Structure formats: structure tokens, C-alpha cells
Amino acid sequence: MPNYINLEMNIAFKALDDSTRRKILELLREKDMTAGEIADAFEISKPSISHHLDLLRQADMVVSIKQGQFIRYSLNTTVFDGIMKWMLDISQKKEIKTRRK
């Protein structure tokens, strides 16, 4: 696996390693939202929500689009497709090894 893919996977798993970020992803699965709308679902500060959104953007799990004076966040499912493909590849390799025994 090329190093850039390993780096992308590390960033993705780091982003998923926090319950607040996972909850943000679940909210965005339902609909696109502004940072304020996302913050309303939590009892933490808006700067903390911005930090979580920034990490999700760095992991390419969230896309932000400026609409007028607001920034709307949406889920980027292509990253999850890549993670699932990697997990299936790992699973299939294990299955092949098990059959050989």
C-alpha cells in the first residue's frame, strides 16, 4: 500500500476516534448543516465544534460549501468507500489464509 494511502487512512481513523466527531458524521448523514446547527446538537462550545469540523475536513470526511454568509457542511462518502474497501480487502486476505490451513 503506498505511503499516501497509509497517511490518509491514519488521518481518517484519527478523525473517527472521537465520539463527538462520530456524532457529527451521524448528523450530517441525515442532512447538510451549518456549524451553528451542528453546535445546537451538543453541549460544548462553538469553537470546539469548529475544531472537530476542521479535523473532519482534514480527513476529507466532511465538505464545506459557502452559501451566502453561512458555511454548509455535508458528508463526503467517498472516504468511507475507501475505508470499507480496505476493510474488505483485509477480511478477504484473512479468509484466504484460513482456507489454506
C-alpha atoms as a PDB file:
ATOM      1  CA  MET A   1       0.000   0.000   0.000  1.00  0.00           C
ATOM      2  CA  PRO A   2       1.508   3.389  -0.997  1.00  0.00           C
ATOM      3  CA  ASN A   3       2.538   5.733   1.830  1.00  0.00           C
ATOM      4  CA  TYR A   4      -0.006   8.414   0.892  1.00  0.00           C
ATOM      5  CA  ILE A   5      -2.824   5.870   1.341  1.00  0.00           C
ATOM      6  CA  ASN A   6      -1.451   4.908   4.752  1.00  0.00           C
ATOM      7  CA  LEU A   7      -1.361   8.596   5.715  1.00  0.00           C
ATOM      8  CA  GLU A   8      -4.956   9.119   4.532  1.00  0.00           C
ATOM      9  CA  MET A   9      -6.108   6.074   6.499  1.00  0.00           C
ATOM     10  CA  ASN A  10      -4.288   7.282   9.639  1.00  0.00           C
ATOM     11  CA  ILE A  11      -5.983  10.674   9.377  1.00  0.00           C
ATOM     12  CA  ALA A  12      -9.370   9.029   8.797  1.00  0.00           C
ATOM     13  CA  PHE A  13      -9.061   6.707  11.785  1.00  0.00           C
ATOM     14  CA  LYS A  14      -7.865   9.583  13.980  1.00  0.00           C
ATOM     15  CA  ALA A  15     -10.962  11.532  12.956  1.00  0.00           C
ATOM     16  CA  LEU A  16     -13.196   8.562  13.811  1.00  0.00           C
ATOM     17  CA  ASP A  17     -11.515   8.111  17.200  1.00  0.00           C
ATOM     18  CA  ASP A  18     -13.742  10.675  18.891  1.00  0.00           C
ATOM     19  CA  SER A  19     -17.396  10.279  19.854  1.00  0.00           C
ATOM     20  CA  THR A  20     -18.225  13.934  19.095  1.00  0.00           C
ATOM     21  CA  ARG A  21     -16.867  13.637  15.560  1.00  0.00           C
ATOM     22  CA  ARG A  22     -18.729  10.373  15.034  1.00  0.00           C
ATOM     23  CA  LYS A  23     -21.944  12.061  16.199  1.00  0.00           C
ATOM     24  CA  ILE A  24     -21.316  14.979  13.801  1.00  0.00           C
ATOM     25  CA  LEU A  25     -20.980  12.455  10.963  1.00  0.00           C
ATOM     26  CA  GLU A  26     -24.259  10.834  12.007  1.00  0.00           C
ATOM     27  CA  LEU A  27     -25.988  14.240  11.974  1.00  0.00           C
ATOM     28  CA  LEU A  28     -24.604  15.016   8.516  1.00  0.00           C
ATOM     29  CA  ARG A  29     -25.776  11.630   7.272  1.00  0.00           C
ATOM     30  CA  GLU A  30     -29.322  12.928   7.769  1.00  0.00           C
ATOM     31  CA  LYS A  31     -28.846  16.331   6.112  1.00  0.00           C
ATOM     32  CA  ASP A  32     -26.355  19.096   5.333  1.00  0.00           C
ATOM     33  CA  MET A  33     -25.984  21.541   8.207  1.00  0.00           C
ATOM     34  CA  THR A  34     -24.300  24.785   9.223  1.00  0.00           C
ATOM     35  CA  ALA A  35     -21.803  24.858  12.094  1.00  0.00           C
ATOM     36  CA  GLY A  36     -24.422  26.584  14.245  1.00  0.00           C
ATOM     37  CA  GLU A  37     -26.981  23.857  13.568  1.00  0.00           C
ATOM     38  CA  ILE A  38     -24.381  21.215  14.420  1.00  0.00           C
ATOM     39  CA  ALA A  39     -23.375  23.066  17.602  1.00  0.00           C
ATOM     40  CA  ASP A  40     -27.018  23.160  18.726  1.00  0.00           C
ATOM     41  CA  ALA A  41     -26.941  19.347  18.970  1.00  0.00           C
ATOM     42  CA  PHE A  42     -24.120  19.439  21.550  1.00  0.00           C
ATOM     43  CA  GLU A  43     -23.400  20.932  24.949  1.00  0.00           C
ATOM     44  CA  ILE A  44     -19.886  22.049  24.036  1.00  0.00           C
ATOM     45  CA  SER A  45     -18.546  25.384  22.810  1.00  0.00           C
ATOM     46  CA  LYS A  46     -18.820  26.523  19.209  1.00  0.00           C
ATOM     47  CA  PRO A  47     -15.011  26.798  18.935  1.00  0.00           C
ATOM     48  CA  SER A  48     -14.809  23.109  19.953  1.00  0.00           C
ATOM     49  CA  ILE A  49     -17.321  22.201  17.237  1.00  0.00           C
ATOM     50  CA  SER A  50     -15.243  24.212  14.736  1.00  0.00           C
ATOM     51  CA  HIS A  51     -12.147  22.251  15.784  1.00  0.00           C
ATOM     52  CA  HIS A  52     -13.964  18.933  15.280  1.00  0.00           C
ATOM     53  CA  LEU A  53     -15.257  20.075  11.884  1.00  0.00           C
ATOM     54  CA  ASP A  54     -11.740  21.119  10.890  1.00  0.00           C
ATOM     55  CA  LEU A  55     -10.372  17.658  11.737  1.00  0.00           C
ATOM     56  CA  LEU A  56     -13.195  16.028   9.771  1.00  0.00           C
ATOM     57  CA  ARG A  57     -12.394  18.287   6.797  1.00  0.00           C
ATOM     58  CA  GLN A  58      -8.697  17.382   7.041  1.00  0.00           C
ATOM     59  CA  ALA A  59      -9.718  13.718   6.922  1.00  0.00           C
ATOM     60  CA  ASP A  60     -11.853  14.576   3.858  1.00  0.00           C
ATOM     61  CA  MET A  61     -14.919  13.142   5.600  1.00  0.00           C
ATOM     62  CA  VAL A  62     -16.748  16.455   5.507  1.00  0.00           C
ATOM     63  CA  VAL A  63     -17.016  19.010   2.724  1.00  0.00           C
ATOM     64  CA  SER A  64     -17.764  22.665   3.451  1.00  0.00           C
ATOM     65  CA  ILE A  65     -19.522  24.916   0.952  1.00  0.00           C
ATOM     66  CA  LYS A  66     -20.032  28.641   1.486  1.00  0.00           C
ATOM     67  CA  GLN A  67     -23.638  29.685   0.856  1.00  0.00           C
ATOM     68  CA  GLY A  68     -24.073  33.404   1.358  1.00  0.00           C
ATOM     69  CA  GLN A  69     -22.840  34.247   4.853  1.00  0.00           C
ATOM     70  CA  PHE A  70     -23.065  30.628   6.037  1.00  0.00           C
ATOM     71  CA  ILE A  71     -20.888  27.587   5.525  1.00  0.00           C
ATOM     72  CA  ARG A  72     -22.856  24.400   4.966  1.00  0.00           C
ATOM     73  CA  TYR A  73     -21.237  21.076   5.855  1.00  0.00           C
ATOM     74  CA  SER A  74     -22.006  17.802   4.133  1.00  0.00           C
ATOM     75  CA  LEU A  75     -20.791  14.231   4.366  1.00  0.00           C
ATOM     76  CA  ASN A  76     -18.179  13.053   1.848  1.00  0.00           C
ATOM     77  CA  THR A  77     -18.945   9.361   1.421  1.00  0.00           C
ATOM     78  CA  THR A  78     -16.009   8.604  -0.901  1.00  0.00           C
ATOM     79  CA  VAL A  79     -13.662   8.394   2.100  1.00  0.00           C
ATOM     80  CA  PHE A  80     -15.923   5.826   3.723  1.00  0.00           C
ATOM     81  CA  ASP A  81     -15.995   3.841   0.491  1.00  0.00           C
ATOM     82  CA  GLY A  82     -12.193   3.692   0.621  1.00  0.00           C
ATOM     83  CA  ILE A  83     -12.194   2.582   4.250  1.00  0.00           C
ATOM     84  CA  MET A  84     -14.765  -0.118   3.530  1.00  0.00           C
ATOM     85  CA  LYS A  85     -12.774  -1.352   0.536  1.00  0.00           C
ATOM     86  CA  TRP A  86      -9.644  -1.566   2.677  1.00  0.00           C
ATOM     87  CA  MET A  87     -11.525  -3.447   5.400  1.00  0.00           C
ATOM     88  CA  LEU A  88     -12.990  -5.878   2.861  1.00  0.00           C
ATOM     89  CA  ASP A  89      -9.532  -6.454   1.387  1.00  0.00           C
ATOM     90  CA  ILE A  90      -8.180  -7.225   4.860  1.00  0.00           C
ATOM     91  CA  SER A  91     -11.120  -9.524   5.559  1.00  0.00           C
ATOM     92  CA  GLN A  92     -10.684 -11.391   2.276  1.00  0.00           C
ATOM     93  CA  LYS A  93      -6.965 -11.871   2.876  1.00  0.00           C
ATOM     94  CA  LYS A  94      -7.715 -13.387   6.269  1.00  0.00           C
ATOM     95  CA  GLU A  95     -10.361 -15.651   4.712  1.00  0.00           C
ATOM     96  CA  ILE A  96      -7.879 -16.876   2.060  1.00  0.00           C
ATOM     97  CA  LYS A  97      -5.279 -17.655   4.752  1.00  0.00           C
ATOM     98  CA  THR A  98      -7.885 -19.547   6.787  1.00  0.00           C
ATOM     99  CA  ARG A  99      -8.834 -21.712   3.779  1.00  0.00           C
ATOM    100  CA  ARG A 100      -5.203 -22.639   3.167  1.00  0.00           C
ATOM    101  CA  LYS A 101      -4.783 -24.102   6.653  1.00  0.00           C
END
